[in-house]
């Protein structure tokens, strides 16, 4: 029987210790927390789910939803390694897990009382004992994550938010390239970069449509 990992609290002790260093490393992080605390727009709960809200806080909640999903996925991957996993792949996936937990906890702390609820994932479509299934899901999550940040960036008004989003999406793009290379060596940018040398992007609603397929707690963006 597979071990189920709590997607919200798993790895929290490690994340809390590292989060202070992560957030303190950038003045932009401080700006995010200060501005989030003063925002007047609340998130809205909906039946069996939650709405991200609007404005900059809505965009942050959008990112927080995706980071919750990614953190939950990698916590499960590392806790229940697929058959034949190598020590190098274990190290790579553990590093990605740690990054995603930090990102998740960063957004939760930054948004504070305006944050959406803790989401419950649905990974029933993923066979965590099979390398192909796990890496295909990882590629989907990472590619979608980068497209999400790129697609929502223009909506961010606060320069502090935009700075930290740029730093996080840079890490997510590194993850995406690594996962792609684990599947097919040399494929790090083959299907995600367009003819102009730019990464593909997608809208908030397009991304949430895809993400909700892996969430029991559905997320909406009715104000975007």
N, C-alpha and C. Protein backbone atom coordinates (compact mmCIF):
# COMPACT_ATOMS: atom_id res chain seq x y z
N UNK A 1 0.85 -1.21 0.00
CA UNK A 1 0.00 0.00 0.00
C UNK A 1 0.88 1.25 0.00
N UNK A 2 0.51 2.22 -0.81
CA UNK A 2 1.30 3.43 -0.92
C UNK A 2 1.13 4.31 0.32
N UNK A 3 2.17 4.98 0.70
CA UNK A 3 2.12 5.92 1.81
C UNK A 3 1.61 7.25 1.30
N UNK A 4 0.54 7.75 1.91
CA UNK A 4 0.00 9.05 1.50
C UNK A 4 0.65 10.14 2.33
N UNK A 5 1.10 11.16 1.69
CA UNK A 5 1.76 12.27 2.35
C UNK A 5 0.80 13.44 2.47
N UNK A 6 0.76 14.03 3.65
CA UNK A 6 -0.05 15.24 3.81
C UNK A 6 0.52 16.34 2.94
N UNK A 7 -0.24 16.81 1.93
CA UNK A 7 0.30 17.78 0.99
C UNK A 7 0.49 19.16 1.57
N UNK A 8 -0.09 19.41 2.74
CA UNK A 8 -0.01 20.74 3.32
C UNK A 8 1.07 20.82 4.37
N UNK A 9 1.20 19.78 5.22
CA UNK A 9 2.16 19.86 6.31
C UNK A 9 3.42 19.08 6.05
N UNK A 10 3.44 18.22 5.05
CA UNK A 10 4.62 17.42 4.79
C UNK A 10 5.82 18.29 4.52
N UNK A 11 6.94 18.02 5.18
CA UNK A 11 8.15 18.79 4.96
C UNK A 11 8.12 20.17 5.57
N UNK A 12 7.17 20.43 6.45
CA UNK A 12 6.99 21.80 6.95
C UNK A 12 8.15 22.26 7.83
N UNK A 13 8.71 21.36 8.63
CA UNK A 13 9.80 21.77 9.51
C UNK A 13 10.99 22.25 8.71
N UNK A 14 11.33 21.49 7.66
CA UNK A 14 12.43 21.90 6.78
C UNK A 14 12.11 23.23 6.12
N UNK A 15 10.87 23.37 5.65
CA UNK A 15 10.49 24.57 4.92
C UNK A 15 10.51 25.80 5.81
N UNK A 16 10.05 25.66 7.06
CA UNK A 16 10.02 26.81 7.95
C UNK A 16 11.42 27.33 8.22
N UNK A 17 12.36 26.41 8.42
CA UNK A 17 13.74 26.84 8.68
C UNK A 17 14.32 27.56 7.47
N UNK A 18 14.08 26.99 6.30
CA UNK A 18 14.66 27.56 5.09
C UNK A 18 13.92 28.79 4.61
N UNK A 19 12.63 28.87 4.94
CA UNK A 19 11.81 29.97 4.44
C UNK A 19 12.32 31.32 4.91
N UNK A 20 12.76 31.39 6.16
CA UNK A 20 13.23 32.67 6.69
C UNK A 20 14.44 33.16 5.91
N UNK A 21 15.32 32.21 5.54
CA UNK A 21 16.48 32.59 4.73
C UNK A 21 16.04 32.99 3.33
N UNK A 22 15.11 32.23 2.78
CA UNK A 22 14.62 32.47 1.42
C UNK A 22 13.95 33.85 1.33
N UNK A 23 13.04 34.12 2.24
CA UNK A 23 12.31 35.39 2.21
C UNK A 23 13.22 36.55 2.56
N UNK A 24 14.12 36.34 3.50
CA UNK A 24 14.99 37.43 3.93
C UNK A 24 16.05 37.78 2.93
N UNK A 25 16.23 36.95 1.92
CA UNK A 25 17.28 37.19 0.94
C UNK A 25 16.93 38.27 -0.05
N UNK A 26 15.67 38.71 -0.06
CA UNK A 26 15.24 39.68 -1.07
C UNK A 26 14.38 40.77 -0.46
N UNK A 27 14.69 42.00 -0.79
CA UNK A 27 13.85 43.11 -0.33
C UNK A 27 12.47 43.01 -0.95
N UNK A 28 12.40 42.41 -2.13
CA UNK A 28 11.12 42.25 -2.78
C UNK A 28 10.20 41.37 -1.97
N UNK A 29 10.75 40.39 -1.28
CA UNK A 29 9.93 39.51 -0.46
C UNK A 29 9.28 40.30 0.66
N UNK A 30 10.01 41.22 1.24
CA UNK A 30 9.45 42.06 2.29
C UNK A 30 8.34 42.93 1.73
N UNK A 31 8.55 43.44 0.54
CA UNK A 31 7.53 44.28 -0.09
C UNK A 31 6.26 43.48 -0.35
N UNK A 32 6.41 42.22 -0.76
CA UNK A 32 5.25 41.37 -1.01
C UNK A 32 4.44 41.20 0.26
N UNK A 33 5.11 40.90 1.36
CA UNK A 33 4.39 40.65 2.61
C UNK A 33 3.68 41.91 3.10
N UNK A 34 4.35 43.04 3.01
CA UNK A 34 3.76 44.28 3.48
C UNK A 34 2.55 44.67 2.66
N UNK A 35 2.67 44.57 1.36
CA UNK A 35 1.56 44.96 0.50
C UNK A 35 0.39 44.00 0.62
N UNK A 36 0.70 42.71 0.77
CA UNK A 36 -0.37 41.72 0.90
C UNK A 36 -1.19 41.96 2.15
N UNK A 37 -0.53 42.35 3.21
CA UNK A 37 -1.23 42.57 4.48
C UNK A 37 -2.20 43.73 4.39
N UNK A 38 -1.92 44.70 3.52
CA UNK A 38 -2.76 45.88 3.44
C UNK A 38 -3.83 45.80 2.36
N UNK A 39 -3.82 44.69 1.59
CA UNK A 39 -4.78 44.57 0.50
C UNK A 39 -6.21 44.44 1.04
N UNK A 40 -7.17 45.06 0.39
CA UNK A 40 -8.54 45.09 0.88
C UNK A 40 -9.40 43.97 0.29
N UNK A 41 -8.90 43.26 -0.73
CA UNK A 41 -9.74 42.29 -1.43
C UNK A 41 -9.52 40.90 -0.85
N UNK A 42 -10.60 40.28 -0.39
CA UNK A 42 -10.53 38.96 0.21
C UNK A 42 -10.72 37.88 -0.85
N UNK A 43 -10.21 36.71 -0.55
CA UNK A 43 -10.50 35.56 -1.39
C UNK A 43 -11.92 35.12 -1.11
N UNK A 44 -12.55 34.45 -2.08
CA UNK A 44 -13.94 34.05 -1.96
C UNK A 44 -14.04 32.54 -2.03
N UNK A 45 -14.69 31.91 -1.05
CA UNK A 45 -14.90 30.48 -1.06
C UNK A 45 -16.10 30.14 -1.94
N UNK A 46 -16.00 29.04 -2.67
CA UNK A 46 -17.10 28.56 -3.49
C UNK A 46 -17.36 27.11 -3.11
N UNK A 47 -18.47 26.55 -3.58
CA UNK A 47 -18.81 25.17 -3.24
C UNK A 47 -17.68 24.23 -3.61
N UNK A 48 -17.21 23.45 -2.63
CA UNK A 48 -16.15 22.45 -2.80
C UNK A 48 -14.89 23.03 -3.42
N UNK A 49 -14.67 24.33 -3.23
CA UNK A 49 -13.48 24.93 -3.78
C UNK A 49 -13.28 26.35 -3.30
N UNK A 50 -12.50 27.09 -4.08
CA UNK A 50 -12.18 28.45 -3.68
C UNK A 50 -11.86 29.30 -4.91
N UNK A 51 -12.14 30.60 -4.81
CA UNK A 51 -11.81 31.52 -5.88
C UNK A 51 -10.59 32.33 -5.47
N UNK A 52 -9.70 32.59 -6.41
CA UNK A 52 -8.44 33.26 -6.07
C UNK A 52 -8.62 34.74 -5.75
N UNK A 53 -9.76 35.34 -6.11
CA UNK A 53 -9.96 36.76 -5.87
C UNK A 53 -9.53 37.58 -7.07
N UNK A 54 -9.10 38.81 -6.83
CA UNK A 54 -8.75 39.70 -7.93
C UNK A 54 -7.51 40.53 -7.60
N UNK A 55 -7.05 41.29 -8.59
CA UNK A 55 -5.89 42.14 -8.38
C UNK A 55 -4.62 41.36 -8.12
N UNK A 56 -3.64 42.03 -7.54
CA UNK A 56 -2.36 41.39 -7.27
C UNK A 56 -2.50 40.20 -6.33
N UNK A 57 -3.38 40.31 -5.33
CA UNK A 57 -3.58 39.20 -4.40
C UNK A 57 -4.16 38.00 -5.14
N UNK A 58 -5.02 38.25 -6.10
CA UNK A 58 -5.56 37.16 -6.91
C UNK A 58 -4.47 36.43 -7.67
N UNK A 59 -3.52 37.18 -8.22
CA UNK A 59 -2.42 36.56 -8.95
C UNK A 59 -1.54 35.75 -7.99
N UNK A 60 -1.29 36.31 -6.80
CA UNK A 60 -0.50 35.57 -5.81
C UNK A 60 -1.21 34.30 -5.38
N UNK A 61 -2.53 34.36 -5.20
CA UNK A 61 -3.28 33.16 -4.85
C UNK A 61 -3.24 32.13 -5.97
N UNK A 62 -3.25 32.61 -7.20
CA UNK A 62 -3.12 31.73 -8.36
C UNK A 62 -1.79 30.97 -8.28
N UNK A 63 -0.72 31.69 -8.03
CA UNK A 63 0.60 31.06 -7.90
C UNK A 63 0.63 30.12 -6.70
N UNK A 64 0.00 30.53 -5.60
CA UNK A 64 -0.04 29.71 -4.40
C UNK A 64 -0.75 28.38 -4.65
N UNK A 65 -1.83 28.42 -5.42
CA UNK A 65 -2.56 27.19 -5.76
C UNK A 65 -1.66 26.22 -6.52
N UNK A 66 -0.93 26.73 -7.49
CA UNK A 66 -0.04 25.88 -8.29
C UNK A 66 1.10 25.34 -7.46
N UNK A 67 1.64 26.17 -6.58
CA UNK A 67 2.75 25.71 -5.73
C UNK A 67 2.27 24.65 -4.73
N UNK A 68 1.04 24.77 -4.24
CA UNK A 68 0.49 23.72 -3.39
C UNK A 68 0.44 22.40 -4.14
N UNK A 69 -0.02 22.44 -5.37
CA UNK A 69 -0.15 21.23 -6.17
C UNK A 69 1.22 20.60 -6.43
N UNK A 70 2.18 21.43 -6.82
CA UNK A 70 3.51 20.91 -7.12
C UNK A 70 4.19 20.35 -5.87
N UNK A 71 4.06 21.06 -4.76
CA UNK A 71 4.67 20.58 -3.52
C UNK A 71 4.08 19.24 -3.11
N UNK A 72 2.76 19.10 -3.19
CA UNK A 72 2.12 17.84 -2.84
C UNK A 72 2.61 16.71 -3.72
N UNK A 73 2.75 16.99 -5.00
CA UNK A 73 3.21 15.96 -5.95
C UNK A 73 4.62 15.49 -5.61
N UNK A 74 5.55 16.40 -5.43
CA UNK A 74 6.94 16.00 -5.18
C UNK A 74 7.13 15.39 -3.79
N UNK A 75 6.34 15.81 -2.82
CA UNK A 75 6.39 15.15 -1.52
C UNK A 75 6.04 13.68 -1.67
N UNK A 76 5.02 13.39 -2.50
CA UNK A 76 4.63 11.99 -2.72
C UNK A 76 5.68 11.25 -3.52
N UNK A 77 6.25 11.89 -4.53
CA UNK A 77 7.27 11.26 -5.37
C UNK A 77 8.47 10.81 -4.53
N UNK A 78 8.94 11.69 -3.66
CA UNK A 78 10.12 11.37 -2.84
C UNK A 78 9.78 10.35 -1.76
N UNK A 79 8.58 10.42 -1.23
CA UNK A 79 8.18 9.49 -0.16
C UNK A 79 7.95 8.07 -0.69
N UNK A 80 7.49 7.96 -1.93
CA UNK A 80 7.23 6.65 -2.53
C UNK A 80 7.95 6.57 -3.88
N UNK A 81 9.26 6.39 -3.87
CA UNK A 81 10.05 6.42 -5.12
C UNK A 81 9.59 5.38 -6.13
N UNK A 82 9.64 5.75 -7.39
CA UNK A 82 9.25 4.81 -8.44
C UNK A 82 10.29 3.70 -8.58
N UNK A 83 9.87 2.62 -9.16
CA UNK A 83 10.73 1.44 -9.32
C UNK A 83 11.96 1.77 -10.16
N UNK A 84 13.13 1.39 -9.65
CA UNK A 84 14.36 1.57 -10.40
C UNK A 84 14.94 2.97 -10.35
N UNK A 85 14.44 3.83 -9.47
CA UNK A 85 14.95 5.20 -9.39
C UNK A 85 16.43 5.17 -9.00
N UNK A 86 17.21 6.01 -9.67
CA UNK A 86 18.64 6.08 -9.37
C UNK A 86 18.90 7.06 -8.24
N UNK A 87 20.10 6.98 -7.67
CA UNK A 87 20.45 7.92 -6.60
C UNK A 87 20.50 9.34 -7.13
N UNK A 88 20.93 9.52 -8.38
CA UNK A 88 20.99 10.86 -8.96
C UNK A 88 19.59 11.43 -9.16
N UNK A 89 18.68 10.61 -9.67
CA UNK A 89 17.30 11.07 -9.85
C UNK A 89 16.65 11.38 -8.50
N UNK A 90 16.96 10.57 -7.50
CA UNK A 90 16.44 10.84 -6.17
C UNK A 90 16.91 12.20 -5.67
N UNK A 91 18.19 12.50 -5.89
CA UNK A 91 18.74 13.79 -5.46
C UNK A 91 18.08 14.94 -6.21
N UNK A 92 17.89 14.78 -7.52
CA UNK A 92 17.25 15.83 -8.31
C UNK A 92 15.83 16.09 -7.82
N UNK A 93 15.05 15.04 -7.67
CA UNK A 93 13.65 15.18 -7.30
C UNK A 93 13.49 15.68 -5.86
N UNK A 94 14.44 15.33 -5.01
CA UNK A 94 14.42 15.86 -3.64
C UNK A 94 14.68 17.35 -3.62
N UNK A 95 15.64 17.80 -4.43
CA UNK A 95 15.90 19.24 -4.54
C UNK A 95 14.67 19.99 -5.04
N UNK A 96 14.01 19.44 -6.06
CA UNK A 96 12.81 20.09 -6.58
C UNK A 96 11.73 20.12 -5.51
N UNK A 97 11.56 19.00 -4.79
CA UNK A 97 10.58 18.98 -3.69
C UNK A 97 10.84 20.12 -2.71
N UNK A 98 12.10 20.27 -2.31
CA UNK A 98 12.43 21.30 -1.32
C UNK A 98 12.11 22.69 -1.84
N UNK A 99 12.41 22.93 -3.12
CA UNK A 99 12.09 24.23 -3.72
C UNK A 99 10.59 24.49 -3.70
N UNK A 100 9.82 23.47 -4.10
CA UNK A 100 8.37 23.67 -4.21
C UNK A 100 7.73 23.88 -2.84
N UNK A 101 8.23 23.19 -1.82
CA UNK A 101 7.71 23.40 -0.47
C UNK A 101 8.02 24.82 0.00
N UNK A 102 9.22 25.30 -0.32
CA UNK A 102 9.58 26.67 0.03
C UNK A 102 8.69 27.68 -0.69
N UNK A 103 8.44 27.45 -1.96
CA UNK A 103 7.58 28.34 -2.72
C UNK A 103 6.17 28.36 -2.13
N UNK A 104 5.65 27.17 -1.86
CA UNK A 104 4.31 27.07 -1.27
C UNK A 104 4.21 27.84 0.04
N UNK A 105 5.17 27.61 0.92
CA UNK A 105 5.12 28.24 2.23
C UNK A 105 5.40 29.74 2.15
N UNK A 106 6.19 30.14 1.16
CA UNK A 106 6.44 31.56 0.96
C UNK A 106 5.14 32.28 0.63
N UNK A 107 4.39 31.76 -0.34
CA UNK A 107 3.14 32.41 -0.73
C UNK A 107 2.13 32.40 0.41
N UNK A 108 2.04 31.30 1.14
CA UNK A 108 1.10 31.24 2.25
C UNK A 108 1.40 32.32 3.28
N UNK A 109 2.68 32.50 3.61
CA UNK A 109 3.06 33.52 4.59
C UNK A 109 2.88 34.92 4.03
N UNK A 110 3.20 35.12 2.75
CA UNK A 110 3.11 36.44 2.14
C UNK A 110 1.68 36.93 2.03
N UNK A 111 0.76 36.04 1.65
CA UNK A 111 -0.63 36.44 1.44
C UNK A 111 -1.38 36.53 2.77
N UNK A 112 -0.98 35.73 3.73
CA UNK A 112 -1.60 35.78 5.05
C UNK A 112 -3.07 35.44 5.04
N UNK A 113 -3.88 36.27 5.66
CA UNK A 113 -5.31 35.99 5.81
C UNK A 113 -6.06 36.05 4.48
N UNK A 114 -5.45 36.57 3.45
CA UNK A 114 -6.09 36.66 2.14
C UNK A 114 -5.85 35.41 1.29
N UNK A 115 -5.11 34.45 1.82
CA UNK A 115 -4.75 33.26 1.06
C UNK A 115 -5.94 32.33 0.87
N UNK A 116 -5.97 31.65 -0.26
CA UNK A 116 -6.97 30.63 -0.49
C UNK A 116 -6.76 29.47 0.49
N UNK A 117 -7.74 28.61 0.56
CA UNK A 117 -7.67 27.47 1.48
C UNK A 117 -6.61 26.47 1.06
N UNK A 118 -6.28 25.58 1.99
CA UNK A 118 -5.38 24.47 1.66
C UNK A 118 -6.11 23.54 0.69
N UNK A 119 -5.46 23.20 -0.40
CA UNK A 119 -6.09 22.41 -1.45
C UNK A 119 -5.81 20.91 -1.26
N UNK A 120 -6.77 20.10 -1.67
CA UNK A 120 -6.60 18.64 -1.61
C UNK A 120 -6.35 18.12 -3.02
N UNK A 121 -5.19 17.52 -3.25
CA UNK A 121 -4.87 17.03 -4.59
C UNK A 121 -5.59 15.73 -4.93
N UNK A 122 -5.65 15.44 -6.21
CA UNK A 122 -6.19 14.17 -6.71
C UNK A 122 -5.17 13.61 -7.70
N UNK A 123 -4.34 12.69 -7.23
CA UNK A 123 -3.29 12.12 -8.05
C UNK A 123 -3.64 10.72 -8.54
N UNK A 124 -4.93 10.44 -8.63
CA UNK A 124 -5.37 9.10 -9.02
C UNK A 124 -4.94 8.73 -10.44
N UNK A 125 -4.64 9.72 -11.26
CA UNK A 125 -4.23 9.45 -12.64
C UNK A 125 -2.74 9.12 -12.74
N UNK A 126 -2.01 9.27 -11.65
CA UNK A 126 -0.56 9.08 -11.67
C UNK A 126 -0.18 7.78 -10.98
N UNK A 127 0.63 6.97 -11.64
CA UNK A 127 1.16 5.74 -11.04
C UNK A 127 2.53 6.07 -10.46
N UNK A 128 2.58 6.29 -9.16
CA UNK A 128 3.81 6.74 -8.52
C UNK A 128 4.89 5.66 -8.46
N UNK A 129 4.56 4.44 -8.82
CA UNK A 129 5.57 3.38 -8.85
C UNK A 129 6.24 3.25 -10.21
N UNK A 130 5.74 4.02 -11.19
CA UNK A 130 6.23 3.92 -12.57
C UNK A 130 6.95 5.20 -12.98
N UNK A 131 8.20 5.07 -13.42
CA UNK A 131 9.02 6.22 -13.79
C UNK A 131 8.38 7.05 -14.89
N UNK A 132 7.89 6.39 -15.92
CA UNK A 132 7.30 7.11 -17.05
C UNK A 132 6.11 7.95 -16.62
N UNK A 133 5.25 7.37 -15.78
CA UNK A 133 4.07 8.10 -15.31
C UNK A 133 4.47 9.28 -14.45
N UNK A 134 5.42 9.08 -13.55
CA UNK A 134 5.84 10.15 -12.64
C UNK A 134 6.50 11.30 -13.41
N UNK A 135 7.42 10.97 -14.29
CA UNK A 135 8.13 12.03 -15.02
C UNK A 135 7.21 12.75 -16.01
N UNK A 136 6.25 12.04 -16.58
CA UNK A 136 5.28 12.70 -17.47
C UNK A 136 4.45 13.70 -16.69
N UNK A 137 4.04 13.31 -15.49
CA UNK A 137 3.27 14.23 -14.64
C UNK A 137 4.14 15.41 -14.20
N UNK A 138 5.40 15.13 -13.85
CA UNK A 138 6.31 16.20 -13.44
C UNK A 138 6.50 17.19 -14.57
N UNK A 139 6.66 16.70 -15.79
CA UNK A 139 6.83 17.58 -16.95
C UNK A 139 5.58 18.44 -17.15
N UNK A 140 4.42 17.83 -17.02
CA UNK A 140 3.18 18.58 -17.17
C UNK A 140 3.09 19.69 -16.13
N UNK A 141 3.38 19.36 -14.87
CA UNK A 141 3.29 20.36 -13.80
C UNK A 141 4.31 21.48 -13.99
N UNK A 142 5.54 21.12 -14.34
CA UNK A 142 6.58 22.14 -14.48
C UNK A 142 6.35 23.03 -15.69
N UNK A 143 6.02 22.43 -16.83
CA UNK A 143 5.76 23.23 -18.03
C UNK A 143 4.56 24.15 -17.82
N UNK A 144 3.52 23.59 -17.20
CA UNK A 144 2.32 24.39 -16.92
C UNK A 144 2.63 25.52 -15.96
N UNK A 145 3.47 25.24 -14.96
CA UNK A 145 3.83 26.26 -13.99
C UNK A 145 4.55 27.44 -14.62
N UNK A 146 5.49 27.15 -15.50
CA UNK A 146 6.21 28.23 -16.18
C UNK A 146 5.27 29.02 -17.08
N UNK A 147 4.42 28.33 -17.82
CA UNK A 147 3.45 29.01 -18.67
C UNK A 147 2.51 29.89 -17.84
N UNK A 148 2.19 29.42 -16.65
CA UNK A 148 1.28 30.18 -15.78
C UNK A 148 1.90 31.50 -15.33
N UNK A 149 3.13 31.45 -14.84
CA UNK A 149 3.80 32.68 -14.41
C UNK A 149 3.98 33.64 -15.59
N UNK A 150 4.38 33.09 -16.74
CA UNK A 150 4.58 33.94 -17.91
C UNK A 150 3.27 34.55 -18.38
N UNK A 151 2.19 33.79 -18.27
CA UNK A 151 0.89 34.28 -18.74
C UNK A 151 0.24 35.29 -17.82
N UNK A 152 0.58 35.23 -16.52
CA UNK A 152 -0.06 36.13 -15.55
C UNK A 152 0.80 37.32 -15.18
N UNK A 153 2.05 37.33 -15.61
CA UNK A 153 2.97 38.39 -15.21
C UNK A 153 2.49 39.79 -15.55
N UNK A 154 1.86 39.94 -16.70
CA UNK A 154 1.45 41.29 -17.11
C UNK A 154 0.34 41.86 -16.23
N UNK A 155 -0.32 41.00 -15.46
CA UNK A 155 -1.41 41.46 -14.58
C UNK A 155 -0.90 42.03 -13.26
N UNK A 156 0.36 41.78 -12.95
CA UNK A 156 0.91 42.22 -11.66
C UNK A 156 1.26 43.70 -11.72
N UNK A 157 0.75 44.45 -10.75
CA UNK A 157 1.00 45.90 -10.72
C UNK A 157 2.12 46.28 -9.76
N UNK A 158 2.21 45.58 -8.66
CA UNK A 158 3.23 45.92 -7.65
C UNK A 158 4.60 45.41 -8.10
N UNK A 159 5.62 46.28 -8.17
CA UNK A 159 6.94 45.84 -8.64
C UNK A 159 7.59 44.80 -7.72
N UNK A 160 7.24 44.83 -6.43
CA UNK A 160 7.77 43.82 -5.52
C UNK A 160 7.25 42.44 -5.86
N UNK A 161 5.95 42.35 -6.16
CA UNK A 161 5.36 41.08 -6.57
C UNK A 161 6.04 40.58 -7.85
N UNK A 162 6.20 41.50 -8.80
CA UNK A 162 6.75 41.11 -10.09
C UNK A 162 8.19 40.60 -9.95
N UNK A 163 8.95 41.22 -9.09
CA UNK A 163 10.34 40.80 -8.87
C UNK A 163 10.40 39.38 -8.31
N UNK A 164 9.61 39.11 -7.28
CA UNK A 164 9.67 37.78 -6.68
C UNK A 164 9.09 36.73 -7.61
N UNK A 165 8.06 37.09 -8.38
CA UNK A 165 7.50 36.15 -9.36
C UNK A 165 8.55 35.79 -10.41
N UNK A 166 9.33 36.80 -10.82
CA UNK A 166 10.39 36.54 -11.80
C UNK A 166 11.45 35.60 -11.25
N UNK A 167 11.77 35.74 -9.97
CA UNK A 167 12.77 34.86 -9.36
C UNK A 167 12.25 33.43 -9.24
N UNK A 168 10.96 33.29 -8.91
CA UNK A 168 10.40 31.96 -8.75
C UNK A 168 10.22 31.26 -10.10
N UNK A 169 9.74 31.98 -11.10
CA UNK A 169 9.55 31.34 -12.40
C UNK A 169 10.89 30.92 -13.01
N UNK A 170 11.96 31.62 -12.66
CA UNK A 170 13.29 31.22 -13.13
C UNK A 170 13.66 29.85 -12.58
N UNK A 171 13.33 29.62 -11.32
CA UNK A 171 13.59 28.31 -10.70
C UNK A 171 12.70 27.24 -11.33
N UNK A 172 11.42 27.59 -11.55
CA UNK A 172 10.51 26.63 -12.16
C UNK A 172 10.97 26.23 -13.57
N UNK A 173 11.52 27.17 -14.31
CA UNK A 173 12.02 26.86 -15.64
C UNK A 173 13.22 25.91 -15.58
N UNK A 174 14.06 26.06 -14.55
CA UNK A 174 15.17 25.13 -14.36
C UNK A 174 14.64 23.73 -14.07
N UNK A 175 13.59 23.65 -13.25
CA UNK A 175 12.96 22.36 -12.98
C UNK A 175 12.45 21.74 -14.28
N UNK A 176 11.73 22.54 -15.06
CA UNK A 176 11.13 22.04 -16.30
C UNK A 176 12.20 21.49 -17.25
N UNK A 177 13.31 22.20 -17.37
CA UNK A 177 14.38 21.75 -18.25
C UNK A 177 14.98 20.44 -17.76
N UNK A 178 15.17 20.33 -16.45
CA UNK A 178 15.75 19.12 -15.88
C UNK A 178 14.83 17.92 -16.09
N UNK A 179 13.55 18.09 -15.80
CA UNK A 179 12.61 16.98 -15.97
C UNK A 179 12.55 16.55 -17.43
N UNK A 180 12.51 17.51 -18.33
CA UNK A 180 12.48 17.17 -19.76
C UNK A 180 13.71 16.37 -20.16
N UNK A 181 14.86 16.76 -19.64
CA UNK A 181 16.10 16.05 -19.95
C UNK A 181 16.14 14.65 -19.34
N UNK A 182 15.49 14.46 -18.20
CA UNK A 182 15.42 13.12 -17.62
C UNK A 182 14.60 12.19 -18.50
N UNK A 183 13.59 12.75 -19.15
CA UNK A 183 12.75 11.96 -20.05
C UNK A 183 13.46 11.67 -21.36
N UNK A 184 13.98 12.74 -21.98
CA UNK A 184 14.71 12.63 -23.25
C UNK A 184 15.90 13.56 -23.21
N UNK A 185 17.12 13.03 -23.07
CA UNK A 185 18.31 13.89 -23.00
C UNK A 185 18.39 14.86 -24.19
N UNK A 186 18.63 16.12 -23.87
CA UNK A 186 18.75 17.14 -24.91
C UNK A 186 17.45 17.82 -25.27
N UNK A 187 16.35 17.46 -24.58
CA UNK A 187 15.04 18.01 -24.95
C UNK A 187 14.60 19.15 -24.05
N UNK A 188 15.54 19.79 -23.38
CA UNK A 188 15.21 20.77 -22.33
C UNK A 188 14.30 21.90 -22.77
N UNK A 189 14.29 22.26 -24.05
CA UNK A 189 13.46 23.37 -24.49
C UNK A 189 12.70 23.05 -25.77
N UNK A 190 12.66 21.80 -26.15
CA UNK A 190 12.16 21.43 -27.47
C UNK A 190 10.71 21.80 -27.74
N UNK A 191 9.84 21.65 -26.76
CA UNK A 191 8.42 21.89 -27.01
C UNK A 191 7.85 23.05 -26.20
N UNK A 192 8.70 23.83 -25.55
CA UNK A 192 8.22 24.92 -24.72
C UNK A 192 8.69 26.30 -25.18
N UNK A 193 9.59 26.34 -26.13
CA UNK A 193 10.12 27.62 -26.63
C UNK A 193 9.65 27.82 -28.07
N UNK A 194 9.08 28.99 -28.34
CA UNK A 194 8.54 29.22 -29.68
C UNK A 194 9.61 29.68 -30.66
N UNK A 195 9.20 29.99 -31.88
CA UNK A 195 10.15 30.36 -32.94
C UNK A 195 10.86 31.68 -32.68
N UNK A 196 10.35 32.46 -31.74
CA UNK A 196 10.99 33.72 -31.37
C UNK A 196 11.94 33.57 -30.18
N UNK A 197 12.11 32.33 -29.73
CA UNK A 197 12.98 32.08 -28.59
C UNK A 197 12.33 32.43 -27.27
N UNK A 198 11.00 32.51 -27.23
CA UNK A 198 10.26 32.86 -26.02
C UNK A 198 9.51 31.64 -25.49
N UNK A 199 9.44 31.54 -24.16
CA UNK A 199 8.69 30.44 -23.58
C UNK A 199 7.21 30.62 -23.83
N UNK A 200 6.50 29.53 -24.02
CA UNK A 200 5.06 29.57 -24.21
C UNK A 200 4.39 30.06 -22.92
N UNK A 201 3.22 30.67 -23.05
CA UNK A 201 2.48 31.14 -21.89
C UNK A 201 1.02 30.74 -22.04
N UNK A 202 0.27 30.82 -20.96
CA UNK A 202 -1.15 30.49 -20.98
C UNK A 202 -1.87 31.38 -19.97
N UNK A 203 -3.16 31.55 -20.16
CA UNK A 203 -3.96 32.41 -19.29
C UNK A 203 -4.25 31.73 -17.96
N UNK A 204 -4.68 32.50 -16.99
CA UNK A 204 -5.03 31.96 -15.68
C UNK A 204 -6.12 30.91 -15.80
N UNK A 205 -7.16 31.20 -16.56
CA UNK A 205 -8.26 30.25 -16.68
C UNK A 205 -7.83 28.98 -17.41
N UNK A 206 -6.97 29.10 -18.41
CA UNK A 206 -6.46 27.91 -19.10
C UNK A 206 -5.65 27.04 -18.15
N UNK A 207 -4.82 27.67 -17.34
CA UNK A 207 -3.99 26.93 -16.40
C UNK A 207 -4.85 26.25 -15.35
N UNK A 208 -5.84 26.96 -14.81
CA UNK A 208 -6.68 26.37 -13.76
C UNK A 208 -7.52 25.22 -14.30
N UNK A 209 -7.92 25.29 -15.55
CA UNK A 209 -8.64 24.17 -16.16
C UNK A 209 -7.79 22.91 -16.12
N UNK A 210 -6.50 23.06 -16.43
CA UNK A 210 -5.59 21.92 -16.40
C UNK A 210 -5.30 21.48 -14.96
N UNK A 211 -5.05 22.44 -14.07
CA UNK A 211 -4.70 22.12 -12.69
C UNK A 211 -5.85 21.46 -11.95
N UNK A 212 -7.07 21.87 -12.23
CA UNK A 212 -8.22 21.32 -11.53
C UNK A 212 -8.42 19.83 -11.80
N UNK A 213 -7.83 19.34 -12.89
CA UNK A 213 -7.87 17.91 -13.17
C UNK A 213 -7.09 17.09 -12.17
N UNK A 214 -6.25 17.76 -11.38
CA UNK A 214 -5.44 17.10 -10.35
C UNK A 214 -5.78 17.60 -8.96
N UNK A 215 -6.94 18.24 -8.83
CA UNK A 215 -7.35 18.79 -7.54
C UNK A 215 -8.76 18.35 -7.18
N UNK A 216 -8.94 17.87 -5.94
CA UNK A 216 -10.28 17.62 -5.43
C UNK A 216 -10.92 18.95 -5.05
N UNK A 217 -10.11 19.86 -4.51
CA UNK A 217 -10.56 21.20 -4.20
C UNK A 217 -10.41 22.05 -5.45
N UNK A 218 -11.49 22.41 -6.08
CA UNK A 218 -11.42 23.15 -7.33
C UNK A 218 -11.13 24.63 -7.08
N UNK A 219 -10.38 25.21 -8.01
CA UNK A 219 -9.99 26.63 -7.91
C UNK A 219 -10.57 27.38 -9.10
N UNK A 220 -11.19 28.52 -8.83
CA UNK A 220 -11.76 29.35 -9.89
C UNK A 220 -11.10 30.71 -9.92
N UNK A 221 -11.30 31.41 -11.03
CA UNK A 221 -10.75 32.76 -11.21
C UNK A 221 -11.85 33.61 -11.86
N UNK A 222 -12.91 33.82 -11.15
CA UNK A 222 -14.08 34.49 -11.72
C UNK A 222 -13.86 35.98 -11.97
N UNK A 223 -12.82 36.56 -11.39
CA UNK A 223 -12.56 37.98 -11.57
C UNK A 223 -11.44 38.28 -12.55
N UNK A 224 -11.02 37.26 -13.29
CA UNK A 224 -9.98 37.47 -14.31
C UNK A 224 -10.52 37.04 -15.66
